[in-house]
Full PDB file with SEQRES, HELIX, SHEET, SSBOND, CRYST1, ORIGX, SCALE, CONECT and MASTER records, all heavy atoms in Angstrom:
SEQRES   1 A   38  ASP PRO VAL ARG GLY GLN PRO HIS VAL LEU ASP ASP TRP          
SEQRES   2 A   38  HIS ASN GLY ARG ASN SER GLU LEU ARG ARG VAL LEU TYR          
SEQRES   3 A   38  VAL GLY ALA SER ARG ALA ARG LYS VAL LEU ILE LEU              
HELIX    1 AA1 VAL A    9  ASN A   15  1                                   7    
HELIX    2 AA2 GLU A   20  ALA A   29  1                                  10    
CRYST1    1.000    1.000    1.000  90.00  90.00  90.00 P 1           1          
ORIGX1      1.000000  0.000000  0.000000        0.00000                         
ORIGX2      0.000000  1.000000  0.000000        0.00000                         
ORIGX3      0.000000  0.000000  1.000000        0.00000                         
SCALE1      1.000000  0.000000  0.000000        0.00000                         
SCALE2      0.000000  1.000000  0.000000        0.00000                         
SCALE3      0.000000  0.000000  1.000000        0.00000                         
ATOM      1  N   ASP A   1     147.433 -37.106 131.168  1.00  0.00           N  
ATOM      2  CA  ASP A   1     148.616 -36.639 130.329  1.00  0.00           C  
ATOM      3  C   ASP A   1     149.795 -37.511 130.754  1.00  0.00           C  
ATOM      4  O   ASP A   1     149.835 -38.009 131.909  1.00  0.00           O  
ATOM      5  CB  ASP A   1     148.877 -35.212 130.671  1.00  0.00           C  
ATOM      6  CG  ASP A   1     148.085 -34.223 129.842  1.00  0.00           C  
ATOM      7  OD1 ASP A   1     147.824 -34.539 128.605  1.00  0.00           O  
ATOM      8  OD2 ASP A   1     147.843 -33.120 130.343  1.00  0.00           O  
ATOM      9  N   PRO A   2     150.700 -37.764 129.796  1.00  0.00           N  
ATOM     10  CA  PRO A   2     151.803 -38.606 130.089  1.00  0.00           C  
ATOM     11  C   PRO A   2     152.844 -37.858 130.938  1.00  0.00           C  
ATOM     12  O   PRO A   2     152.857 -36.656 131.069  1.00  0.00           O  
ATOM     13  CB  PRO A   2     152.372 -38.931 128.737  1.00  0.00           C  
ATOM     14  CG  PRO A   2     152.014 -37.778 127.940  1.00  0.00           C  
ATOM     15  CD  PRO A   2     150.694 -37.295 128.433  1.00  0.00           C  
ATOM     16  N   VAL A   3     153.774 -38.664 131.432  1.00  0.00           N  
ATOM     17  CA  VAL A   3     154.883 -38.196 132.173  1.00  0.00           C  
ATOM     18  C   VAL A   3     155.681 -37.361 131.197  1.00  0.00           C  
ATOM     19  O   VAL A   3     155.790 -37.803 129.958  1.00  0.00           O  
ATOM     20  CB  VAL A   3     155.800 -39.275 132.821  1.00  0.00           C  
ATOM     21  CG1 VAL A   3     157.027 -38.683 133.446  1.00  0.00           C  
ATOM     22  CG2 VAL A   3     154.942 -39.976 133.823  1.00  0.00           C  
ATOM     23  N   ARG A   4     156.245 -36.227 131.580  1.00  0.00           N  
ATOM     24  CA  ARG A   4     157.071 -35.393 130.573  1.00  0.00           C  
ATOM     25  C   ARG A   4     158.048 -36.232 129.745  1.00  0.00           C  
ATOM     26  O   ARG A   4     158.803 -37.088 130.295  1.00  0.00           O  
ATOM     27  CB  ARG A   4     157.849 -34.288 131.351  1.00  0.00           C  
ATOM     28  CG  ARG A   4     158.545 -33.326 130.522  1.00  0.00           C  
ATOM     29  CD  ARG A   4     159.272 -32.264 131.364  1.00  0.00           C  
ATOM     30  NE  ARG A   4     158.314 -31.579 132.073  1.00  0.00           N  
ATOM     31  CZ  ARG A   4     158.065 -30.327 132.107  1.00  0.00           C  
ATOM     32  NH1 ARG A   4     158.823 -29.499 131.322  1.00  0.00           N  
ATOM     33  NH2 ARG A   4     157.108 -29.801 132.854  1.00  0.00           N  
ATOM     34  N   GLY A   5     157.988 -35.959 128.454  1.00  0.00           N  
ATOM     35  CA  GLY A   5     158.898 -36.619 127.595  1.00  0.00           C  
ATOM     36  C   GLY A   5     158.364 -37.904 127.019  1.00  0.00           C  
ATOM     37  O   GLY A   5     159.011 -38.519 126.139  1.00  0.00           O  
ATOM     38  N   GLN A   6     157.283 -38.414 127.595  1.00  0.00           N  
ATOM     39  CA  GLN A   6     156.730 -39.710 127.101  1.00  0.00           C  
ATOM     40  C   GLN A   6     155.637 -39.419 126.167  1.00  0.00           C  
ATOM     41  O   GLN A   6     154.974 -38.367 126.129  1.00  0.00           O  
ATOM     42  CB  GLN A   6     156.049 -40.545 128.351  1.00  0.00           C  
ATOM     43  CG  GLN A   6     157.106 -40.893 129.359  1.00  0.00           C  
ATOM     44  CD  GLN A   6     158.127 -41.842 128.824  1.00  0.00           C  
ATOM     45  OE1 GLN A   6     157.832 -42.855 128.138  1.00  0.00           O  
ATOM     46  NE2 GLN A   6     159.420 -41.575 129.068  1.00  0.00           N  
ATOM     47  N   PRO A   7     155.352 -40.336 125.216  1.00  0.00           N  
ATOM     48  CA  PRO A   7     154.314 -40.171 124.212  1.00  0.00           C  
ATOM     49  C   PRO A   7     152.992 -40.309 124.834  1.00  0.00           C  
ATOM     50  O   PRO A   7     152.737 -40.944 125.930  1.00  0.00           O  
ATOM     51  CB  PRO A   7     154.597 -41.251 123.208  1.00  0.00           C  
ATOM     52  CG  PRO A   7     155.219 -42.352 123.954  1.00  0.00           C  
ATOM     53  CD  PRO A   7     156.086 -41.634 124.932  1.00  0.00           C  
ATOM     54  N   HIS A   8     151.961 -39.698 124.323  1.00  0.00           N  
ATOM     55  CA  HIS A   8     150.613 -39.819 124.733  1.00  0.00           C  
ATOM     56  C   HIS A   8     149.878 -40.786 123.879  1.00  0.00           C  
ATOM     57  O   HIS A   8     150.172 -40.895 122.640  1.00  0.00           O  
ATOM     58  CB  HIS A   8     149.752 -38.471 124.639  1.00  0.00           C  
ATOM     59  CG  HIS A   8     148.538 -38.436 125.330  1.00  0.00           C  
ATOM     60  ND1 HIS A   8     147.333 -38.952 124.709  1.00  0.00           N  
ATOM     61  CD2 HIS A   8     148.111 -37.978 126.579  1.00  0.00           C  
ATOM     62  CE1 HIS A   8     146.328 -38.792 125.626  1.00  0.00           C  
ATOM     63  NE2 HIS A   8     146.897 -38.187 126.760  1.00  0.00           N  
ATOM     64  N   VAL A   9     148.957 -41.637 124.428  1.00  0.00           N  
ATOM     65  CA  VAL A   9     148.330 -42.691 123.679  1.00  0.00           C  
ATOM     66  C   VAL A   9     147.588 -42.103 122.448  1.00  0.00           C  
ATOM     67  O   VAL A   9     147.480 -42.811 121.412  1.00  0.00           O  
ATOM     68  CB  VAL A   9     147.311 -43.478 124.603  1.00  0.00           C  
ATOM     69  CG1 VAL A   9     146.182 -42.657 125.065  1.00  0.00           C  
ATOM     70  CG2 VAL A   9     146.797 -44.750 123.847  1.00  0.00           C  
ATOM     71  N   LEU A  10     147.015 -40.912 122.516  1.00  0.00           N  
ATOM     72  CA  LEU A  10     146.372 -40.313 121.376  1.00  0.00           C  
ATOM     73  C   LEU A  10     147.325 -40.029 120.256  1.00  0.00           C  
ATOM     74  O   LEU A  10     146.987 -40.078 119.051  1.00  0.00           O  
ATOM     75  CB  LEU A  10     145.509 -39.080 121.799  1.00  0.00           C  
ATOM     76  CG  LEU A  10     144.289 -39.391 122.739  1.00  0.00           C  
ATOM     77  CD1 LEU A  10     143.523 -38.130 123.043  1.00  0.00           C  
ATOM     78  CD2 LEU A  10     143.453 -40.490 122.254  1.00  0.00           C  
ATOM     79  N   ASP A  11     148.476 -39.605 120.606  1.00  0.00           N  
ATOM     80  CA  ASP A  11     149.582 -39.364 119.578  1.00  0.00           C  
ATOM     81  C   ASP A  11     149.884 -40.701 118.920  1.00  0.00           C  
ATOM     82  O   ASP A  11     150.131 -40.678 117.708  1.00  0.00           O  
ATOM     83  CB  ASP A  11     150.757 -38.794 120.258  1.00  0.00           C  
ATOM     84  CG  ASP A  11     150.607 -37.383 120.809  1.00  0.00           C  
ATOM     85  OD1 ASP A  11     149.635 -36.631 120.276  1.00  0.00           O  
ATOM     86  OD2 ASP A  11     151.317 -36.962 121.704  1.00  0.00           O  
ATOM     87  N   ASP A  12     150.027 -41.737 119.700  1.00  0.00           N  
ATOM     88  CA  ASP A  12     150.310 -43.057 119.073  1.00  0.00           C  
ATOM     89  C   ASP A  12     149.180 -43.436 118.164  1.00  0.00           C  
ATOM     90  O   ASP A  12     149.475 -43.975 117.101  1.00  0.00           O  
ATOM     91  CB  ASP A  12     150.558 -44.127 120.197  1.00  0.00           C  
ATOM     92  CG  ASP A  12     151.776 -44.002 120.937  1.00  0.00           C  
ATOM     93  OD1 ASP A  12     152.601 -43.149 120.493  1.00  0.00           O  
ATOM     94  OD2 ASP A  12     151.911 -44.646 121.978  1.00  0.00           O  
ATOM     95  N   TRP A  13     147.997 -43.271 118.510  1.00  0.00           N  
ATOM     96  CA  TRP A  13     146.845 -43.578 117.619  1.00  0.00           C  
ATOM     97  C   TRP A  13     146.893 -42.682 116.419  1.00  0.00           C  
ATOM     98  O   TRP A  13     146.719 -43.212 115.227  1.00  0.00           O  
ATOM     99  CB  TRP A  13     145.552 -43.325 118.426  1.00  0.00           C  
ATOM    100  CG  TRP A  13     144.233 -43.590 117.736  1.00  0.00           C  
ATOM    101  CD1 TRP A  13     144.135 -44.204 116.467  1.00  0.00           C  
ATOM    102  CD2 TRP A  13     142.879 -43.487 118.211  1.00  0.00           C  
ATOM    103  NE1 TRP A  13     142.711 -44.312 116.164  1.00  0.00           N  
ATOM    104  CE2 TRP A  13     142.044 -43.896 117.188  1.00  0.00           C  
ATOM    105  CE3 TRP A  13     142.390 -43.008 119.405  1.00  0.00           C  
ATOM    106  CZ2 TRP A  13     140.662 -43.829 117.354  1.00  0.00           C  
ATOM    107  CZ3 TRP A  13     141.013 -42.991 119.603  1.00  0.00           C  
ATOM    108  CH2 TRP A  13     140.208 -43.376 118.611  1.00  0.00           C  
ATOM    109  N   HIS A  14     147.102 -41.448 116.552  1.00  0.00           N  
ATOM    110  CA  HIS A  14     147.181 -40.530 115.351  1.00  0.00           C  
ATOM    111  C   HIS A  14     148.246 -40.946 114.392  1.00  0.00           C  
ATOM    112  O   HIS A  14     148.123 -40.923 113.207  1.00  0.00           O  
ATOM    113  CB  HIS A  14     147.428 -39.108 115.823  1.00  0.00           C  
ATOM    114  CG  HIS A  14     147.545 -38.137 114.768  1.00  0.00           C  
ATOM    115  ND1 HIS A  14     146.545 -37.634 114.043  1.00  0.00           N  
ATOM    116  CD2 HIS A  14     148.671 -37.560 114.259  1.00  0.00           C  
ATOM    117  CE1 HIS A  14     146.959 -36.840 113.068  1.00  0.00           C  
ATOM    118  NE2 HIS A  14     148.258 -36.786 113.212  1.00  0.00           N  
ATOM    119  N   ASN A  15     149.407 -41.304 114.965  1.00  0.00           N  
ATOM    120  CA  ASN A  15     150.557 -41.636 114.069  1.00  0.00           C  
ATOM    121  C   ASN A  15     150.570 -43.105 113.642  1.00  0.00           C  
ATOM    122  O   ASN A  15     151.494 -43.559 113.022  1.00  0.00           O  
ATOM    123  CB  ASN A  15     151.838 -41.355 114.881  1.00  0.00           C  
ATOM    124  CG  ASN A  15     151.988 -39.885 115.168  1.00  0.00           C  
ATOM    125  OD1 ASN A  15     151.658 -39.027 114.274  1.00  0.00           O  
ATOM    126  ND2 ASN A  15     152.513 -39.510 116.342  1.00  0.00           N  
ATOM    127  N   GLY A  16     149.519 -43.853 114.116  1.00  0.00           N  
ATOM    128  CA  GLY A  16     149.504 -45.246 113.670  1.00  0.00           C  
ATOM    129  C   GLY A  16     150.558 -46.154 114.408  1.00  0.00           C  
ATOM    130  O   GLY A  16     150.891 -47.251 113.900  1.00  0.00           O  
ATOM    131  N   ARG A  17     151.041 -45.675 115.458  1.00  0.00           N  
ATOM    132  CA  ARG A  17     152.141 -46.412 116.251  1.00  0.00           C  
ATOM    133  C   ARG A  17     151.470 -47.471 117.005  1.00  0.00           C  
ATOM    134  O   ARG A  17     150.665 -47.172 117.870  1.00  0.00           O  
ATOM    135  CB  ARG A  17     152.890 -45.455 117.123  1.00  0.00           C  
ATOM    136  CG  ARG A  17     154.126 -45.976 117.713  1.00  0.00           C  
ATOM    137  CD  ARG A  17     154.917 -44.989 118.505  1.00  0.00           C  
ATOM    138  NE  ARG A  17     155.302 -43.795 117.683  1.00  0.00           N  
ATOM    139  CZ  ARG A  17     154.858 -42.568 118.036  1.00  0.00           C  
ATOM    140  NH1 ARG A  17     154.176 -42.291 119.054  1.00  0.00           N  
ATOM    141  NH2 ARG A  17     155.242 -41.548 117.210  1.00  0.00           N  
ATOM    142  N   ASN A  18     151.894 -48.690 116.884  1.00  0.00           N  
ATOM    143  CA  ASN A  18     151.306 -49.828 117.604  1.00  0.00           C  
ATOM    144  C   ASN A  18     152.037 -50.001 118.954  1.00  0.00           C  
ATOM    145  O   ASN A  18     152.825 -50.946 119.104  1.00  0.00           O  
ATOM    146  CB  ASN A  18     151.308 -51.178 116.862  1.00  0.00           C  
ATOM    147  CG  ASN A  18     150.449 -52.163 117.474  1.00  0.00           C  
ATOM    148  OD1 ASN A  18     149.714 -51.945 118.310  1.00  0.00           O  
ATOM    149  ND2 ASN A  18     150.741 -53.433 117.017  1.00  0.00           N  
ATOM    150  N   SER A  19     151.854 -49.168 119.902  1.00  0.00           N  
ATOM    151  CA  SER A  19     152.493 -49.084 121.148  1.00  0.00           C  
ATOM    152  C   SER A  19     151.772 -49.817 122.184  1.00  0.00           C  
ATOM    153  O   SER A  19     150.601 -50.312 122.062  1.00  0.00           O  
ATOM    154  CB  SER A  19     152.678 -47.666 121.667  1.00  0.00           C  
ATOM    155  OG  SER A  19     151.452 -47.139 121.942  1.00  0.00           O  
ATOM    156  N   GLU A  20     152.428 -50.104 123.386  1.00  0.00           N  
ATOM    157  CA  GLU A  20     151.739 -50.678 124.526  1.00  0.00           C  
ATOM    158  C   GLU A  20     150.634 -49.867 124.988  1.00  0.00           C  
ATOM    159  O   GLU A  20     149.576 -50.334 125.443  1.00  0.00           O  
ATOM    160  CB  GLU A  20     152.763 -50.975 125.621  1.00  0.00           C  
ATOM    161  CG  GLU A  20     152.219 -51.537 126.933  1.00  0.00           C  
ATOM    162  CD  GLU A  20     151.603 -53.016 126.674  1.00  0.00           C  
ATOM    163  OE1 GLU A  20     151.911 -53.639 125.644  1.00  0.00           O  
ATOM    164  OE2 GLU A  20     150.769 -53.445 127.488  1.00  0.00           O  
ATOM    165  N   LEU A  21     150.766 -48.510 124.970  1.00  0.00           N  
ATOM    166  CA  LEU A  21     149.745 -47.595 125.415  1.00  0.00           C  
ATOM    167  C   LEU A  21     148.475 -47.811 124.522  1.00  0.00           C  
ATOM    168  O   LEU A  21     147.372 -47.833 125.078  1.00  0.00           O  
ATOM    169  CB  LEU A  21     150.233 -46.103 125.224  1.00  0.00           C  
ATOM    170  CG  LEU A  21     151.305 -45.636 126.189  1.00  0.00           C  
ATOM    171  CD1 LEU A  21     151.810 -44.291 125.859  1.00  0.00           C  
ATOM    172  CD2 LEU A  21     150.850 -45.697 127.607  1.00  0.00           C  
ATOM    173  N   ARG A  22     148.705 -47.911 123.302  1.00  0.00           N  
ATOM    174  CA  ARG A  22     147.550 -48.055 122.314  1.00  0.00           C  
ATOM    175  C   ARG A  22     146.857 -49.458 122.564  1.00  0.00           C  
ATOM    176  O   ARG A  22     145.738 -49.506 122.498  1.00  0.00           O  
ATOM    177  CB  ARG A  22     147.970 -47.902 120.922  1.00  0.00           C  
ATOM    178  CG  ARG A  22     146.900 -47.801 119.918  1.00  0.00           C  
ATOM    179  CD  ARG A  22     147.364 -47.327 118.555  1.00  0.00           C  
ATOM    180  NE  ARG A  22     146.307 -47.414 117.610  1.00  0.00           N  
ATOM    181  CZ  ARG A  22     146.507 -47.424 116.336  1.00  0.00           C  
ATOM    182  NH1 ARG A  22     147.769 -47.361 115.832  1.00  0.00           N  
ATOM    183  NH2 ARG A  22     145.478 -47.521 115.496  1.00  0.00           N  
ATOM    184  N   ARG A  23     147.639 -50.493 122.778  1.00  0.00           N  
ATOM    185  CA  ARG A  23     147.049 -51.783 123.025  1.00  0.00           C  
ATOM    186  C   ARG A  23     146.291 -51.742 124.423  1.00  0.00           C  
ATOM    187  O   ARG A  23     145.178 -52.380 124.372  1.00  0.00           O  
ATOM    188  CB  ARG A  23     148.148 -52.833 123.125  1.00  0.00           C  
ATOM    189  CG  ARG A  23     148.701 -53.219 121.785  1.00  0.00           C  
ATOM    190  CD  ARG A  23     149.642 -54.350 121.778  1.00  0.00           C  
ATOM    191  NE  ARG A  23     150.975 -54.051 122.478  1.00  0.00           N  
ATOM    192  CZ  ARG A  23     151.971 -53.575 121.854  1.00  0.00           C  
ATOM    193  NH1 ARG A  23     151.902 -53.280 120.558  1.00  0.00           N  
ATOM    194  NH2 ARG A  23     153.111 -53.325 122.552  1.00  0.00           N  
ATOM    195  N   VAL A  24     146.756 -51.070 125.389  1.00  0.00           N  
ATOM    196  CA  VAL A  24     145.982 -50.944 126.613  1.00  0.00           C  
ATOM    197  C   VAL A  24     144.641 -50.164 126.400  1.00  0.00           C  
ATOM    198  O   VAL A  24     143.611 -50.561 126.919  1.00  0.00           O  
ATOM    199  CB  VAL A  24     146.852 -50.375 127.706  1.00  0.00           C  
ATOM    200  CG1 VAL A  24     146.015 -49.967 128.936  1.00  0.00           C  
ATOM    201  CG2 VAL A  24     147.968 -51.279 128.092  1.00  0.00           C  
ATOM    202  N   LEU A  25     144.733 -49.127 125.622  1.00  0.00           N  
ATOM    203  CA  LEU A  25     143.519 -48.336 125.349  1.00  0.00           C  
ATOM    204  C   LEU A  25     142.529 -49.253 124.543  1.00  0.00           C  
ATOM    205  O   LEU A  25     141.335 -49.138 124.856  1.00  0.00           O  
ATOM    206  CB  LEU A  25     143.857 -47.149 124.485  1.00  0.00           C  
ATOM    207  CG  LEU A  25     142.643 -46.347 124.006  1.00  0.00           C  
ATOM    208  CD1 LEU A  25     141.859 -45.790 125.086  1.00  0.00           C  
ATOM    209  CD2 LEU A  25     143.116 -45.252 123.047  1.00  0.00           C  
ATOM    210  N   TYR A  26     142.931 -50.014 123.626  1.00  0.00           N  
ATOM    211  CA  TYR A  26     142.089 -50.860 122.905  1.00  0.00           C  
ATOM    212  C   TYR A  26     141.397 -51.942 123.877  1.00  0.00           C  
ATOM    213  O   TYR A  26     140.279 -52.123 123.773  1.00  0.00           O  
ATOM    214  CB  TYR A  26     142.862 -51.676 121.745  1.00  0.00           C  
ATOM    215  CG  TYR A  26     142.011 -52.670 121.113  1.00  0.00           C  
ATOM    216  CD1 TYR A  26     141.052 -52.319 120.193  1.00  0.00           C  
ATOM    217  CD2 TYR A  26     142.039 -53.980 121.532  1.00  0.00           C  
ATOM    218  CE1 TYR A  26     140.254 -53.334 119.616  1.00  0.00           C  
ATOM    219  CE2 TYR A  26     141.260 -55.033 120.907  1.00  0.00           C  
ATOM    220  CZ  TYR A  26     140.293 -54.663 119.952  1.00  0.00           C  
ATOM    221  OH  TYR A  26     139.541 -55.524 119.414  1.00  0.00           O  
ATOM    222  N   VAL A  27     142.210 -52.559 124.691  1.00  0.00           N  
ATOM    223  CA  VAL A  27     141.662 -53.543 125.617  1.00  0.00           C  
ATOM    224  C   VAL A  27     140.518 -52.883 126.458  1.00  0.00           C  
ATOM    225  O   VAL A  27     139.436 -53.414 126.609  1.00  0.00           O  
ATOM    226  CB  VAL A  27     142.703 -54.161 126.564  1.00  0.00           C  
ATOM    227  CG1 VAL A  27     142.157 -55.018 127.699  1.00  0.00           C  
ATOM    228  CG2 VAL A  27     143.671 -55.092 125.734  1.00  0.00           C  
ATOM    229  N   GLY A  28     140.845 -51.741 127.011  1.00  0.00           N  
ATOM    230  CA  GLY A  28     139.836 -51.037 127.838  1.00  0.00           C  
ATOM    231  C   GLY A  28     138.561 -50.634 127.125  1.00  0.00           C  
ATOM    232  O   GLY A  28     137.449 -50.875 127.518  1.00  0.00           O  
ATOM    233  N   ALA A  29     138.769 -49.996 125.986  1.00  0.00           N  
ATOM    234  CA  ALA A  29     137.634 -49.575 125.145  1.00  0.00           C  
ATOM    235  C   ALA A  29     136.845 -50.668 124.594  1.00  0.00           C  
ATOM    236  O   ALA A  29     135.592 -50.546 124.504  1.00  0.00           O  
ATOM    237  CB  ALA A  29     138.139 -48.677 124.008  1.00  0.00           C  
ATOM    238  N   SER A  30     137.429 -51.783 124.260  1.00  0.00           N  
ATOM    239  CA  SER A  30     136.721 -52.918 123.663  1.00  0.00           C  
ATOM    240  C   SER A  30     135.958 -53.781 124.656  1.00  0.00           C  
ATOM    241  O   SER A  30     135.149 -54.642 124.333  1.00  0.00           O  
ATOM    242  CB  SER A  30     137.660 -53.794 122.835  1.00  0.00           C  
ATOM    243  OG  SER A  30     138.526 -54.399 123.724  1.00  0.00           O  
ATOM    244  N   ARG A  31     136.014 -53.365 125.990  1.00  0.00           N  
ATOM    245  CA  ARG A  31     135.211 -54.080 127.049  1.00  0.00           C  
ATOM    246  C   ARG A  31     133.803 -53.507 127.081  1.00  0.00           C  
ATOM    247  O   ARG A  31     132.982 -54.136 127.696  1.00  0.00           O  
ATOM    248  CB  ARG A  31     135.860 -53.807 128.377  1.00  0.00           C  
ATOM    249  CG  ARG A  31     137.255 -54.362 128.619  1.00  0.00           C  
ATOM    250  CD  ARG A  31     137.533 -55.747 128.230  1.00  0.00           C  
ATOM    251  NE  ARG A  31     138.006 -55.845 126.836  1.00  0.00           N  
ATOM    252  CZ  ARG A  31     138.018 -56.908 126.168  1.00  0.00           C  
ATOM    253  NH1 ARG A  31     137.574 -58.102 126.551  1.00  0.00           N  
ATOM    254  NH2 ARG A  31     138.418 -56.893 124.912  1.00  0.00           N  
ATOM    255  N   ALA A  32     133.569 -52.346 126.545  1.00  0.00           N  
ATOM    256  CA  ALA A  32     132.240 -51.692 126.643  1.00  0.00           C  
ATOM    257  C   ALA A  32     131.224 -52.269 125.592  1.00  0.00           C  
ATOM    258  O   ALA A  32     131.475 -52.282 124.380  1.00  0.00           O  
ATOM    259  CB  ALA A  32     132.399 -50.172 126.428  1.00  0.00           C  
ATOM    260  N   ARG A  33     130.092 -52.728 126.072  1.00  0.00           N  
ATOM    261  CA  ARG A  33     128.985 -53.236 125.183  1.00  0.00           C  
ATOM    262  C   ARG A  33     128.091 -52.075 124.782  1.00  0.00           C  
ATOM    263  O   ARG A  33     127.620 -52.142 123.568  1.00  0.00           O  
ATOM    264  CB  ARG A  33     128.199 -54.293 125.905  1.00  0.00           C  
ATOM    265  CG  ARG A  33     128.860 -55.555 126.150  1.00  0.00           C  
ATOM    266  CD  ARG A  33     127.868 -56.651 126.683  1.00  0.00           C  
ATOM    267  NE  ARG A  33     127.566 -56.469 127.964  1.00  0.00           N  
ATOM    268  CZ  ARG A  33     127.862 -57.215 128.985  1.00  0.00           C  
ATOM    269  NH1 ARG A  33     128.571 -58.403 128.755  1.00  0.00           N  
ATOM    270  NH2 ARG A  33     127.492 -56.928 130.194  1.00  0.00           N  
ATOM    271  N   LYS A  34     127.792 -51.189 125.629  1.00  0.00           N  
ATOM    272  CA  LYS A  34     126.809 -50.103 125.260  1.00  0.00           C  
ATOM    273  C   LYS A  34     127.376 -48.772 125.281  1.00  0.00           C  
ATOM    274  O   LYS A  34     127.170 -47.908 124.393  1.00  0.00           O  
ATOM    275  CB  LYS A  34     125.655 -50.151 126.265  1.00  0.00           C  
ATOM    276  CG  LYS A  34     124.798 -51.493 126.053  1.00  0.00           C  
ATOM    277  CD  LYS A  34     123.685 -51.458 126.998  1.00  0.00           C  
ATOM    278  CE  LYS A  34     122.911 -52.779 127.008  1.00  0.00           C  
ATOM    279  NZ  LYS A  34     121.858 -52.870 127.960  1.00  0.00           N  
ATOM    280  N   VAL A  35     128.146 -48.367 126.373  1.00  0.00           N  
ATOM    281  CA  VAL A  35     128.545 -47.012 126.570  1.00  0.00           C  
ATOM    282  C   VAL A  35     130.096 -47.035 127.030  1.00  0.00           C  
ATOM    283  O   VAL A  35     130.477 -47.829 127.818  1.00  0.00           O  
ATOM    284  CB  VAL A  35     127.818 -46.325 127.677  1.00  0.00           C  
ATOM    285  CG1 VAL A  35     128.393 -44.988 127.976  1.00  0.00           C  
ATOM    286  CG2 VAL A  35     126.366 -46.280 127.319  1.00  0.00           C  
ATOM    287  N   LEU A  36     130.935 -46.155 126.305  1.00  0.00           N  
ATOM    288  CA  LEU A  36     132.288 -46.009 126.669  1.00  0.00           C  
ATOM    289  C   LEU A  36     132.420 -44.429 126.993  1.00  0.00           C  
ATOM    290  O   LEU A  36     132.129 -43.687 126.119  1.00  0.00           O  
ATOM    291  CB  LEU A  36     133.202 -46.404 125.481  1.00  0.00           C  
ATOM    292  CG  LEU A  36     134.650 -46.026 125.669  1.00  0.00           C  
ATOM    293  CD1 LEU A  36     135.298 -46.770 126.863  1.00  0.00           C  
ATOM    294  CD2 LEU A  36     135.421 -46.351 124.406  1.00  0.00           C  
ATOM    295  N   ILE A  37     132.912 -44.198 128.144  1.00  0.00           N  
ATOM    296  CA  ILE A  37     133.225 -42.865 128.554  1.00  0.00           C  
ATOM    297  C   ILE A  37     134.706 -42.653 128.623  1.00  0.00           C  
ATOM    298  O   ILE A  37     135.342 -43.392 129.376  1.00  0.00           O  
ATOM    299  CB  ILE A  37     132.524 -42.439 129.876  1.00  0.00           C  
ATOM    300  CG1 ILE A  37     130.987 -42.598 129.757  1.00  0.00           C  
ATOM    301  CG2 ILE A  37     132.881 -41.072 130.339  1.00  0.00           C  
ATOM    302  CD1 ILE A  37     130.281 -42.566 131.081  1.00  0.00           C  
ATOM    303  N   LEU A  38     135.252 -41.713 127.907  1.00  0.00           N  
ATOM    304  CA  LEU A  38     136.675 -41.459 127.931  1.00  0.00           C  
ATOM    305  C   LEU A  38     136.831 -40.151 128.686  1.00  0.00           C  
ATOM    306  O   LEU A  38     136.291 -39.052 128.233  1.00  0.00           O  
ATOM    307  CB  LEU A  38     137.271 -41.340 126.561  1.00  0.00           C  
ATOM    308  CG  LEU A  38     137.267 -42.626 125.711  1.00  0.00           C  
ATOM    309  CD1 LEU A  38     137.764 -42.307 124.325  1.00  0.00           C  
ATOM    310  CD2 LEU A  38     138.109 -43.677 126.379  1.00  0.00           C  
TER     311      LEU A  38                                                      
MASTER        0    0    0    2    0    0    0    6  310    1    0    3          
END                                                                             
């Protein structure tokens, strides 16, 4: 969960906001070849 008052990466994804949080999530998720566990 984010620090109080900060956006959550899933909110950014839902709203289509291209934030640093969302870019970091993409980098991490795109490293998985077979299995991604969130």
